N, C-alpha and C. Protein backbone atom coordinates (compact mmCIF):
# COMPACT_ATOMS: atom_id res chain seq x y z
N MET A 1 62.35 -129.04 24.95
CA MET A 1 61.49 -129.80 26.02
C MET A 1 62.52 -130.42 26.61
N LYS A 2 62.74 -130.37 27.62
CA LYS A 2 63.30 -130.88 29.03
C LYS A 2 63.62 -132.67 28.91
N LYS A 3 64.52 -133.31 29.07
CA LYS A 3 65.07 -134.91 28.64
C LYS A 3 65.38 -134.92 30.49
N TYR A 4 65.01 -136.56 31.19
CA TYR A 4 65.88 -136.77 31.75
C TYR A 4 66.73 -138.07 31.27
N VAL A 5 68.22 -137.16 31.48
CA VAL A 5 69.24 -138.67 31.22
C VAL A 5 69.19 -140.01 32.31
N LEU A 6 69.22 -140.62 31.68
CA LEU A 6 68.87 -141.97 32.43
C LEU A 6 70.26 -142.69 32.25
N ASN A 7 70.80 -142.68 31.53
CA ASN A 7 72.25 -143.11 31.76
C ASN A 7 72.80 -143.00 29.71
N GLU A 8 73.59 -143.28 29.95
CA GLU A 8 74.46 -142.90 27.66
C GLU A 8 73.75 -142.93 27.07
N ASP A 9 72.39 -144.53 27.04
CA ASP A 9 72.00 -144.43 26.19
C ASP A 9 70.48 -144.43 25.79
N TYR A 10 69.53 -144.07 27.48
CA TYR A 10 68.37 -143.85 27.59
C TYR A 10 67.58 -142.60 27.86
N TYR A 11 67.16 -141.50 27.94
CA TYR A 11 66.79 -140.49 28.94
C TYR A 11 64.47 -140.89 28.44
N LEU A 12 63.92 -139.93 29.98
CA LEU A 12 62.82 -139.49 29.52
C LEU A 12 62.41 -139.06 29.85
N ARG A 13 61.65 -137.90 28.50
CA ARG A 13 61.26 -136.84 28.65
C ARG A 13 59.02 -136.94 27.90
N LYS A 14 58.75 -136.10 28.07
CA LYS A 14 56.99 -135.87 28.09
C LYS A 14 56.31 -136.85 26.94
N VAL A 15 55.56 -137.42 27.07
CA VAL A 15 54.48 -137.71 25.91
C VAL A 15 54.06 -136.42 25.12
N LYS A 16 54.44 -137.11 23.87
CA LYS A 16 53.61 -136.39 22.44
C LYS A 16 53.00 -137.17 21.85
N VAL A 17 51.48 -136.58 20.97
CA VAL A 17 50.66 -137.13 20.62
C VAL A 17 51.74 -137.72 18.71
N ARG A 18 52.93 -137.26 18.88
CA ARG A 18 53.59 -138.12 17.98
C ARG A 18 54.55 -139.37 18.15
N ASP A 19 54.45 -139.49 19.65
CA ASP A 19 54.92 -141.14 19.94
C ASP A 19 53.59 -142.03 19.90
N ALA A 20 52.42 -141.65 19.16
CA ALA A 20 51.30 -142.97 19.06
C ALA A 20 52.11 -144.59 18.14
N LYS A 21 52.87 -143.74 17.08
CA LYS A 21 52.64 -145.14 16.58
C LYS A 21 53.53 -146.17 17.04
N GLU A 22 54.82 -145.78 17.38
CA GLU A 22 55.92 -145.73 18.15
C GLU A 22 55.23 -146.64 19.44
N LEU A 23 54.37 -146.35 20.22
CA LEU A 23 53.90 -146.80 21.83
C LEU A 23 52.61 -147.56 21.30
N TYR A 24 52.33 -147.81 19.96
CA TYR A 24 51.78 -148.26 19.10
C TYR A 24 51.75 -149.74 19.17
N ASP A 25 53.41 -149.75 18.08
CA ASP A 25 53.96 -150.79 18.29
C ASP A 25 54.04 -151.56 18.89
N PHE A 26 54.11 -151.35 20.64
CA PHE A 26 54.64 -152.49 21.85
C PHE A 26 52.79 -152.43 22.46
N SER A 27 51.88 -151.55 22.38
CA SER A 27 50.44 -151.69 23.74
C SER A 27 50.05 -152.57 22.49
N LYS A 28 50.46 -153.00 21.21
CA LYS A 28 49.42 -153.81 20.56
C LYS A 28 49.89 -155.29 21.03
N ASN A 29 50.48 -155.58 21.92
CA ASN A 29 51.58 -156.64 21.84
C ASN A 29 50.78 -157.31 23.59
N ASN A 30 49.75 -158.33 23.64
CA ASN A 30 49.63 -158.35 24.62
C ASN A 30 50.51 -159.29 25.48
N GLU A 31 51.48 -159.55 25.38
CA GLU A 31 52.88 -159.96 26.12
C GLU A 31 53.08 -158.42 27.45
N VAL A 32 52.88 -157.41 26.94
CA VAL A 32 52.86 -156.29 27.17
C VAL A 32 52.18 -156.11 28.35
N THR A 33 50.56 -156.26 27.35
CA THR A 33 49.44 -155.76 28.38
C THR A 33 49.16 -157.00 28.98
N LYS A 34 49.46 -158.19 29.44
CA LYS A 34 49.12 -159.64 30.71
C LYS A 34 48.71 -158.73 31.67
N TYR A 35 49.84 -157.73 32.01
CA TYR A 35 49.44 -157.63 33.77
C TYR A 35 49.90 -155.84 33.64
N LEU A 36 48.79 -155.18 32.92
CA LEU A 36 48.36 -153.70 32.81
C LEU A 36 46.52 -154.00 32.76
N THR A 37 46.45 -153.15 33.16
CA THR A 37 45.07 -152.60 33.75
C THR A 37 44.23 -152.88 31.97
N TRP A 38 44.92 -152.33 31.45
CA TRP A 38 44.32 -152.26 29.95
C TRP A 38 44.45 -153.22 28.72
N ASN A 39 43.59 -153.52 27.89
CA ASN A 39 43.80 -154.38 27.27
C ASN A 39 44.42 -154.23 25.30
N SER A 40 45.65 -154.62 25.00
CA SER A 40 46.12 -154.46 23.93
C SER A 40 45.50 -153.25 23.30
N HIS A 41 46.04 -152.59 22.72
CA HIS A 41 45.10 -151.39 21.77
C HIS A 41 45.04 -152.18 20.23
N THR A 42 44.52 -151.53 19.76
CA THR A 42 43.77 -152.66 18.73
C THR A 42 44.26 -151.38 17.37
N ASN A 43 44.85 -150.55 17.21
CA ASN A 43 44.88 -149.61 15.84
C ASN A 43 45.56 -148.04 16.09
N VAL A 44 46.90 -147.47 15.60
CA VAL A 44 47.34 -146.36 16.24
C VAL A 44 46.07 -145.23 16.42
N LYS A 45 45.51 -145.07 15.66
CA LYS A 45 44.29 -144.44 16.15
C LYS A 45 44.01 -144.35 17.85
N GLU A 46 43.65 -145.65 18.05
CA GLU A 46 43.11 -145.77 19.82
C GLU A 46 44.40 -145.39 20.61
N THR A 47 45.89 -145.83 19.91
CA THR A 47 46.90 -144.69 20.59
C THR A 47 46.99 -143.43 20.86
N LYS A 48 46.62 -143.18 19.92
CA LYS A 48 46.33 -141.63 20.18
C LYS A 48 45.34 -140.98 20.54
N MET A 49 44.20 -141.84 20.65
CA MET A 49 43.14 -141.50 22.12
C MET A 49 43.55 -141.03 23.01
N VAL A 50 44.23 -142.62 23.52
CA VAL A 50 44.88 -142.65 24.90
C VAL A 50 45.84 -141.62 25.14
N ILE A 51 46.19 -141.05 24.43
CA ILE A 51 47.71 -140.10 24.76
C ILE A 51 47.18 -138.77 24.69
N LYS A 52 46.30 -138.58 24.13
CA LYS A 52 45.35 -137.49 24.03
C LYS A 52 44.48 -137.40 25.16
N LYS A 53 43.69 -138.42 25.70
CA LYS A 53 42.32 -138.49 26.66
C LYS A 53 43.26 -138.34 27.29
N PHE A 54 44.28 -139.43 28.16
CA PHE A 54 44.69 -139.56 29.50
C PHE A 54 46.40 -138.95 29.14
N TYR A 55 47.40 -138.99 28.39
CA TYR A 55 48.84 -138.23 29.47
C TYR A 55 48.80 -136.81 28.86
N LEU A 56 48.43 -136.44 27.96
CA LEU A 56 48.13 -134.63 27.87
C LEU A 56 46.82 -134.00 28.46
N ALA A 57 45.76 -135.12 28.69
CA ALA A 57 44.73 -134.45 29.60
C ALA A 57 45.63 -134.38 31.45
N LYS A 58 46.18 -135.22 31.53
CA LYS A 58 46.13 -134.95 32.32
C LYS A 58 47.50 -133.56 33.25
N ILE A 59 48.23 -133.00 31.91
CA ILE A 59 48.53 -131.94 32.06
C ILE A 59 47.68 -130.66 32.38
N LYS A 60 46.29 -130.91 31.39
CA LYS A 60 45.88 -129.60 31.96
C LYS A 60 45.01 -129.52 32.99
N GLN A 61 45.15 -130.57 33.37
CA GLN A 61 44.15 -130.59 34.78
C GLN A 61 44.92 -130.39 36.00
N GLY A 62 46.69 -129.93 35.90
CA GLY A 62 47.41 -130.04 36.64
C GLY A 62 48.01 -131.18 37.65
N LEU A 63 48.14 -131.91 36.11
CA LEU A 63 48.48 -133.05 37.00
C LEU A 63 50.16 -134.02 36.73
N PRO A 64 51.10 -134.11 36.79
CA PRO A 64 52.28 -134.54 36.46
C PRO A 64 52.19 -135.10 35.26
N ALA A 65 52.68 -135.16 34.41
CA ALA A 65 53.41 -135.01 32.83
C ALA A 65 53.55 -136.93 32.97
N SER A 66 53.53 -137.47 31.82
CA SER A 66 53.72 -138.50 31.49
C SER A 66 54.78 -138.47 30.61
N PHE A 67 55.83 -139.77 31.26
CA PHE A 67 57.01 -139.88 30.00
C PHE A 67 57.15 -140.77 29.67
N VAL A 68 57.95 -140.58 28.88
CA VAL A 68 58.04 -141.68 27.75
C VAL A 68 59.77 -142.39 27.77
N ILE A 69 59.81 -143.34 27.76
CA ILE A 69 61.09 -143.68 27.78
C ILE A 69 61.64 -143.47 25.85
N VAL A 70 63.43 -142.91 26.31
CA VAL A 70 63.84 -143.05 24.64
C VAL A 70 65.21 -143.64 24.38
N ASP A 71 65.09 -144.69 23.00
CA ASP A 71 66.21 -145.01 23.39
C ASP A 71 67.61 -144.25 22.65
N LYS A 72 68.37 -143.40 22.76
CA LYS A 72 69.13 -142.22 21.96
C LYS A 72 70.15 -142.78 20.93
N GLN A 73 70.07 -144.32 20.66
CA GLN A 73 70.69 -144.27 19.21
C GLN A 73 69.65 -143.99 18.61
N ASN A 74 68.83 -144.44 18.54
CA ASN A 74 67.52 -144.76 17.04
C ASN A 74 66.31 -143.63 17.42
N LYS A 75 66.27 -142.90 18.63
CA LYS A 75 65.40 -141.76 18.93
C LYS A 75 63.56 -142.82 19.07
N LYS A 76 64.05 -144.22 19.24
CA LYS A 76 62.71 -144.76 19.25
C LYS A 76 61.91 -144.41 20.76
N VAL A 77 60.78 -144.20 21.19
CA VAL A 77 60.35 -144.44 22.26
C VAL A 77 60.13 -146.21 22.60
N ILE A 78 60.10 -146.49 23.58
CA ILE A 78 60.70 -148.05 24.06
C ILE A 78 59.77 -148.02 25.00
N GLY A 79 59.18 -147.38 26.08
CA GLY A 79 58.46 -147.23 27.12
C GLY A 79 57.93 -146.17 27.41
N VAL A 80 56.72 -146.22 28.95
CA VAL A 80 55.99 -145.38 29.25
C VAL A 80 56.00 -145.20 30.77
N ILE A 81 56.43 -144.15 31.79
CA ILE A 81 56.05 -143.95 33.15
C ILE A 81 55.37 -142.99 33.81
N ASP A 82 54.49 -143.19 34.24
CA ASP A 82 53.91 -141.95 35.03
C ASP A 82 53.30 -141.93 36.00
N TYR A 83 52.71 -141.69 36.83
CA TYR A 83 52.16 -141.10 37.82
C TYR A 83 50.58 -141.63 38.23
N LEU A 84 50.26 -142.14 38.98
CA LEU A 84 48.15 -142.24 38.92
C LEU A 84 48.14 -141.27 39.95
N LEU A 85 47.54 -140.43 39.79
CA LEU A 85 46.63 -140.10 40.71
C LEU A 85 45.11 -140.05 41.12
N ASP A 86 44.74 -140.76 41.75
CA ASP A 86 43.40 -141.44 42.14
C ASP A 86 42.21 -140.90 42.91
N ASN A 87 42.93 -140.74 43.60
CA ASN A 87 41.77 -138.88 45.01
C ASN A 87 42.83 -138.36 45.29
N GLU A 88 41.89 -137.53 46.43
CA GLU A 88 43.46 -136.83 47.46
C GLU A 88 43.87 -137.34 48.48
N THR A 89 43.78 -138.02 48.57
CA THR A 89 43.73 -138.82 49.73
C THR A 89 45.10 -139.87 49.27
N ASP A 90 45.10 -140.83 48.50
CA ASP A 90 45.83 -140.98 47.92
C ASP A 90 47.07 -141.44 48.04
N PRO A 91 48.80 -141.92 47.95
CA PRO A 91 49.63 -141.43 47.50
C PRO A 91 49.60 -141.69 45.91
N PRO A 92 50.46 -140.32 45.11
CA PRO A 92 50.31 -141.18 43.84
C PRO A 92 51.21 -142.35 43.42
N GLU A 93 50.10 -142.96 42.79
CA GLU A 93 51.39 -144.08 42.43
C GLU A 93 51.81 -144.20 41.11
N ILE A 94 52.96 -145.25 40.86
CA ILE A 94 53.79 -144.97 39.87
C ILE A 94 52.91 -146.23 39.26
N GLY A 95 53.46 -146.48 37.78
CA GLY A 95 52.79 -147.00 36.33
C GLY A 95 53.44 -147.02 35.05
N TYR A 96 54.17 -147.98 34.62
CA TYR A 96 55.21 -148.01 33.33
C TYR A 96 54.55 -149.17 32.91
N PHE A 97 55.41 -149.45 31.93
CA PHE A 97 55.93 -150.58 30.95
C PHE A 97 56.98 -149.86 29.57
N MET A 98 56.86 -151.16 29.34
CA MET A 98 57.86 -151.17 27.85
C MET A 98 57.64 -152.36 26.83
N ASN A 99 58.69 -151.22 25.61
CA ASN A 99 58.86 -152.49 24.71
C ASN A 99 59.33 -154.03 25.19
N PRO A 100 58.44 -154.80 24.72
CA PRO A 100 59.95 -156.28 25.62
C PRO A 100 60.63 -156.92 24.88
N LYS A 101 61.24 -156.00 23.37
CA LYS A 101 62.52 -155.69 23.24
C LYS A 101 63.51 -155.29 23.94
N TYR A 102 63.34 -154.77 24.75
CA TYR A 102 64.25 -154.13 25.93
C TYR A 102 64.07 -154.03 27.19
N TRP A 103 63.16 -155.27 27.73
CA TRP A 103 63.00 -156.31 28.78
C TRP A 103 64.67 -157.11 29.59
N GLY A 104 64.54 -156.50 30.69
CA GLY A 104 65.74 -157.01 31.36
C GLY A 104 67.38 -156.74 30.66
N LYS A 105 67.11 -155.10 30.67
CA LYS A 105 68.31 -154.39 31.35
C LYS A 105 68.98 -153.27 31.39
N GLY A 106 67.63 -153.83 33.13
CA GLY A 106 68.04 -152.72 33.58
C GLY A 106 67.49 -151.53 33.08
N ILE A 107 66.58 -150.95 32.10
CA ILE A 107 66.38 -149.63 31.86
C ILE A 107 64.80 -148.90 32.28
N MET A 108 63.87 -150.01 32.94
CA MET A 108 62.63 -149.49 33.99
C MET A 108 64.05 -149.60 34.88
N THR A 109 64.58 -150.08 35.28
CA THR A 109 64.76 -149.96 36.88
C THR A 109 65.53 -148.22 36.81
N LEU A 110 66.32 -147.76 36.26
CA LEU A 110 66.36 -147.03 36.11
C LEU A 110 65.63 -145.71 35.77
N ALA A 111 65.07 -145.96 34.75
CA ALA A 111 63.34 -145.17 34.66
C ALA A 111 62.56 -144.99 36.01
N LEU A 112 62.40 -145.97 36.63
CA LEU A 112 61.67 -145.76 38.21
C LEU A 112 62.90 -145.58 39.53
N LYS A 113 63.92 -144.93 38.98
CA LYS A 113 64.74 -144.26 40.09
C LYS A 113 64.15 -143.11 39.66
N GLU A 114 64.64 -142.93 38.24
CA GLU A 114 64.23 -141.06 37.88
C GLU A 114 63.07 -140.62 38.15
N ILE A 115 62.24 -141.39 38.19
CA ILE A 115 60.94 -140.69 38.12
C ILE A 115 60.73 -140.52 39.95
N VAL A 116 61.39 -141.11 40.25
CA VAL A 116 61.25 -141.39 42.05
C VAL A 116 62.01 -140.10 42.80
N LYS A 117 62.72 -139.96 41.56
CA LYS A 117 64.16 -138.05 42.02
C LYS A 117 62.93 -137.10 41.34
N ILE A 118 61.84 -137.40 40.79
CA ILE A 118 61.24 -135.79 40.55
C ILE A 118 60.27 -136.18 41.12
N GLY A 119 59.32 -137.28 41.47
CA GLY A 119 58.76 -137.16 42.68
C GLY A 119 58.97 -136.43 43.50
N PHE A 120 59.76 -136.62 45.15
CA PHE A 120 60.09 -136.52 45.73
C PHE A 120 61.31 -134.54 45.87
N GLU A 121 62.09 -134.70 44.73
CA GLU A 121 62.78 -133.39 44.32
C GLU A 121 61.97 -132.23 43.78
N GLU A 122 60.97 -132.65 42.63
CA GLU A 122 60.31 -131.42 42.00
C GLU A 122 59.28 -131.42 42.00
N LEU A 123 58.42 -132.67 42.51
CA LEU A 123 56.81 -132.50 42.77
C LEU A 123 56.86 -132.70 44.35
N ARG A 124 57.83 -133.15 45.00
CA ARG A 124 57.15 -132.26 46.25
C ARG A 124 56.48 -133.50 47.26
N PHE A 125 56.51 -134.85 46.95
CA PHE A 125 54.82 -136.05 47.46
C PHE A 125 56.11 -136.53 48.58
N ASP A 126 55.41 -136.63 49.71
CA ASP A 126 55.87 -137.12 50.81
C ASP A 126 55.63 -138.87 51.08
N VAL A 127 55.07 -139.19 49.61
CA VAL A 127 55.00 -140.74 50.16
C VAL A 127 54.63 -141.54 48.30
N ILE A 128 55.41 -142.10 47.97
CA ILE A 128 54.94 -143.06 46.59
C ILE A 128 54.89 -144.43 46.29
N GLY A 129 53.40 -144.52 45.87
CA GLY A 129 53.21 -146.19 45.26
C GLY A 129 53.26 -146.54 44.76
N ILE A 130 53.29 -147.89 44.36
CA ILE A 130 53.45 -148.34 43.18
C ILE A 130 53.12 -150.11 43.23
N SER A 131 52.71 -150.33 42.30
CA SER A 131 52.29 -151.90 42.55
C SER A 131 53.21 -152.87 41.51
N HIS A 132 52.60 -154.19 41.15
CA HIS A 132 52.48 -155.62 39.98
C HIS A 132 51.46 -156.00 40.71
N MET A 133 50.80 -157.07 39.24
CA MET A 133 50.44 -158.58 39.19
C MET A 133 51.58 -159.54 40.62
N VAL A 134 50.51 -160.16 41.06
CA VAL A 134 51.68 -160.73 42.37
C VAL A 134 52.55 -161.87 40.59
N SER A 135 52.22 -162.27 39.39
CA SER A 135 52.77 -163.04 38.76
C SER A 135 53.59 -162.61 37.57
N ASN A 136 53.41 -160.84 38.03
CA ASN A 136 54.54 -160.04 37.27
C ASN A 136 56.30 -159.82 37.59
N LEU A 137 57.12 -161.06 38.15
CA LEU A 137 58.19 -161.10 38.36
C LEU A 137 59.46 -159.98 38.62
N GLY A 138 58.87 -159.76 36.96
CA GLY A 138 60.20 -159.09 36.55
C GLY A 138 59.62 -157.10 37.36
N SER A 139 58.76 -156.94 37.46
CA SER A 139 58.17 -155.69 37.80
C SER A 139 58.43 -155.01 39.41
N LYS A 140 58.46 -156.78 40.04
CA LYS A 140 58.84 -156.96 41.42
C LYS A 140 60.50 -157.04 41.46
N ARG A 141 60.90 -157.14 40.91
CA ARG A 141 62.81 -157.16 40.65
C ARG A 141 62.96 -155.52 40.64
N VAL A 142 62.41 -154.49 39.50
CA VAL A 142 62.33 -153.49 39.32
C VAL A 142 62.24 -152.79 40.46
N ILE A 143 61.07 -152.95 40.95
CA ILE A 143 60.72 -152.45 42.39
C ILE A 143 61.32 -152.65 43.43
N GLU A 144 61.48 -154.01 43.72
CA GLU A 144 62.74 -153.88 44.91
C GLU A 144 64.27 -153.07 45.16
N LYS A 145 64.40 -153.30 43.99
CA LYS A 145 65.78 -152.86 43.36
C LYS A 145 66.00 -151.10 43.74
N ASN A 146 64.66 -150.37 43.68
CA ASN A 146 64.31 -149.34 43.82
C ASN A 146 63.93 -149.47 45.20
N ASN A 147 63.94 -149.88 46.08
CA ASN A 147 63.77 -149.62 47.82
C ASN A 147 62.73 -149.45 47.75
N PHE A 148 61.59 -149.59 47.71
CA PHE A 148 60.43 -149.32 47.46
C PHE A 148 59.98 -150.67 48.75
N LYS A 149 59.68 -150.46 49.89
CA LYS A 149 59.11 -150.90 51.00
C LYS A 149 57.34 -151.89 50.67
N TYR A 150 57.33 -153.29 50.77
CA TYR A 150 56.02 -154.21 50.58
C TYR A 150 55.45 -153.33 51.78
N LYS A 151 53.75 -152.86 51.53
CA LYS A 151 53.23 -152.98 52.11
C LYS A 151 51.42 -153.74 52.48
N TYR A 152 51.35 -153.87 51.10
CA TYR A 152 50.07 -155.35 51.63
C TYR A 152 50.08 -156.29 49.56
N THR A 153 49.14 -157.24 50.05
CA THR A 153 48.63 -157.99 48.89
C THR A 153 47.00 -157.84 48.77
N ILE A 154 47.26 -156.96 47.32
CA ILE A 154 45.55 -157.29 46.88
C ILE A 154 44.83 -158.83 46.07
N TYR A 155 44.08 -159.13 46.93
CA TYR A 155 43.85 -160.83 46.31
C TYR A 155 42.21 -160.65 45.59
N ASN A 156 42.49 -161.17 44.59
CA ASN A 156 41.33 -160.78 43.70
C ASN A 156 40.62 -159.39 42.87
N TYR A 157 42.14 -159.07 43.32
CA TYR A 157 41.40 -157.41 42.00
C TYR A 157 41.08 -157.40 41.33
N PHE A 158 40.03 -156.97 41.07
CA PHE A 158 38.84 -157.26 39.75
C PHE A 158 39.32 -155.90 38.56
N LEU A 159 39.67 -156.27 37.83
CA LEU A 159 40.67 -155.40 36.68
C LEU A 159 38.86 -155.25 35.48
N GLN A 160 38.33 -154.15 36.27
CA GLN A 160 37.37 -153.89 35.12
C GLN A 160 37.46 -153.85 34.06
N GLN A 161 38.36 -153.50 32.67
CA GLN A 161 38.23 -153.15 31.19
C GLN A 161 39.14 -154.97 30.67
N LYS A 162 39.15 -155.11 31.81
CA LYS A 162 40.17 -157.47 31.16
C LYS A 162 38.72 -157.92 31.98
N ASN A 163 38.36 -157.51 32.81
CA ASN A 163 37.00 -158.60 33.26
C ASN A 163 37.41 -159.87 33.19
N GLU A 164 38.74 -159.35 34.89
CA GLU A 164 38.89 -160.13 35.57
C GLU A 164 39.60 -160.23 36.75
N HIS A 165 39.81 -161.00 37.57
CA HIS A 165 40.27 -160.53 38.37
C HIS A 165 42.04 -161.16 38.82
N VAL A 166 42.97 -160.44 39.87
CA VAL A 166 43.72 -160.70 40.27
C VAL A 166 44.59 -160.12 41.19
N ASP A 167 45.80 -161.17 41.43
CA ASP A 167 46.32 -160.90 43.03
C ASP A 167 47.67 -159.40 42.58
N VAL A 168 47.45 -158.73 43.66
CA VAL A 168 48.59 -156.87 43.25
C VAL A 168 48.95 -157.12 44.83
N MET A 169 50.25 -157.49 44.30
CA MET A 169 50.79 -156.47 45.43
C MET A 169 51.12 -155.41 45.51
N TYR A 170 51.30 -154.40 46.88
CA TYR A 170 51.45 -152.79 46.55
C TYR A 170 52.57 -153.03 47.51
N TYR A 171 53.54 -151.67 47.36
CA TYR A 171 54.63 -151.05 48.09
C TYR A 171 54.88 -149.67 47.92
N GLU A 172 55.14 -148.77 49.09
CA GLU A 172 55.83 -147.44 49.07
C GLU A 172 57.09 -146.77 49.60
N MET A 173 57.29 -145.89 48.94
CA MET A 173 58.46 -145.19 50.07
C MET A 173 58.28 -143.88 50.17
N ASP A 174 58.68 -143.32 51.81
CA ASP A 174 58.37 -142.12 51.87
C ASP A 174 59.44 -141.34 51.58
N LYS A 175 59.18 -140.06 51.88
CA LYS A 175 60.28 -139.26 51.41
C LYS A 175 61.41 -139.00 52.28
N GLY A 176 61.30 -139.09 53.50
CA GLY A 176 62.59 -139.57 54.75
C GLY A 176 63.47 -141.56 54.17
N ASP A 177 63.02 -141.76 53.65
CA ASP A 177 63.24 -143.33 53.05
C ASP A 177 64.41 -143.22 52.11
N TYR A 178 62.94 -142.42 51.26
CA TYR A 178 64.20 -140.95 49.77
C TYR A 178 65.72 -140.88 49.55
N TYR A 179 65.04 -140.33 50.94
CA TYR A 179 66.50 -139.20 51.18
C TYR A 179 67.58 -139.82 52.07
N ASN A 180 67.04 -140.96 52.79
CA ASN A 180 68.34 -141.91 53.34
C ASN A 180 68.68 -142.26 52.52
N ASP A 181 68.19 -143.18 51.52
CA ASP A 181 68.81 -144.20 50.61
C ASP A 181 70.33 -143.02 49.72
N LYS A 182 69.09 -142.18 49.28
CA LYS A 182 70.27 -141.10 48.67
C LYS A 182 71.31 -140.72 49.19
N GLN A 183 71.53 -140.40 50.25
CA GLN A 183 73.19 -140.52 51.13
C GLN A 183 73.33 -141.72 51.42
N SER A 184 72.93 -142.94 51.38
CA SER A 184 73.89 -143.43 51.96
C SER A 184 74.13 -144.74 50.09
């Protein structure tokens, strides 16, 4: 299975069903899911179901694979990053989450850089979108470090699974900006 090296300590690889236990270990954490569109997982079985019905089903539908971030030292899965494609007209949007033990170490910044590279160089996207809840300042920094351009804020966006409204900032990068940034 192909690995995408982030640095000497971390890499990306495609999600597998056997990742369920490690993903559950932080998908159950309210501190992680408070910035996501879905609720905390309640058991490993639920995480396994999400892997099968969401992450792996995407590949069967011809959509881009979802990736886990792996710590090379202990081989543990510490995060997920992937493309979300809602319809044929919207640009693909990147989503991610990570074990809070690894927050603030620059790992997600590297993972985002790599999945953007995959998006433009392998998947041949023209534009890539990404968003974060206004209150999620960590994600804002990750997105800005990767040179995405702020486009607009969606106020009172309704999260159906959580039955709450949040404000969301939306950004984009086009392939011209990507290749210009790459050369500089």
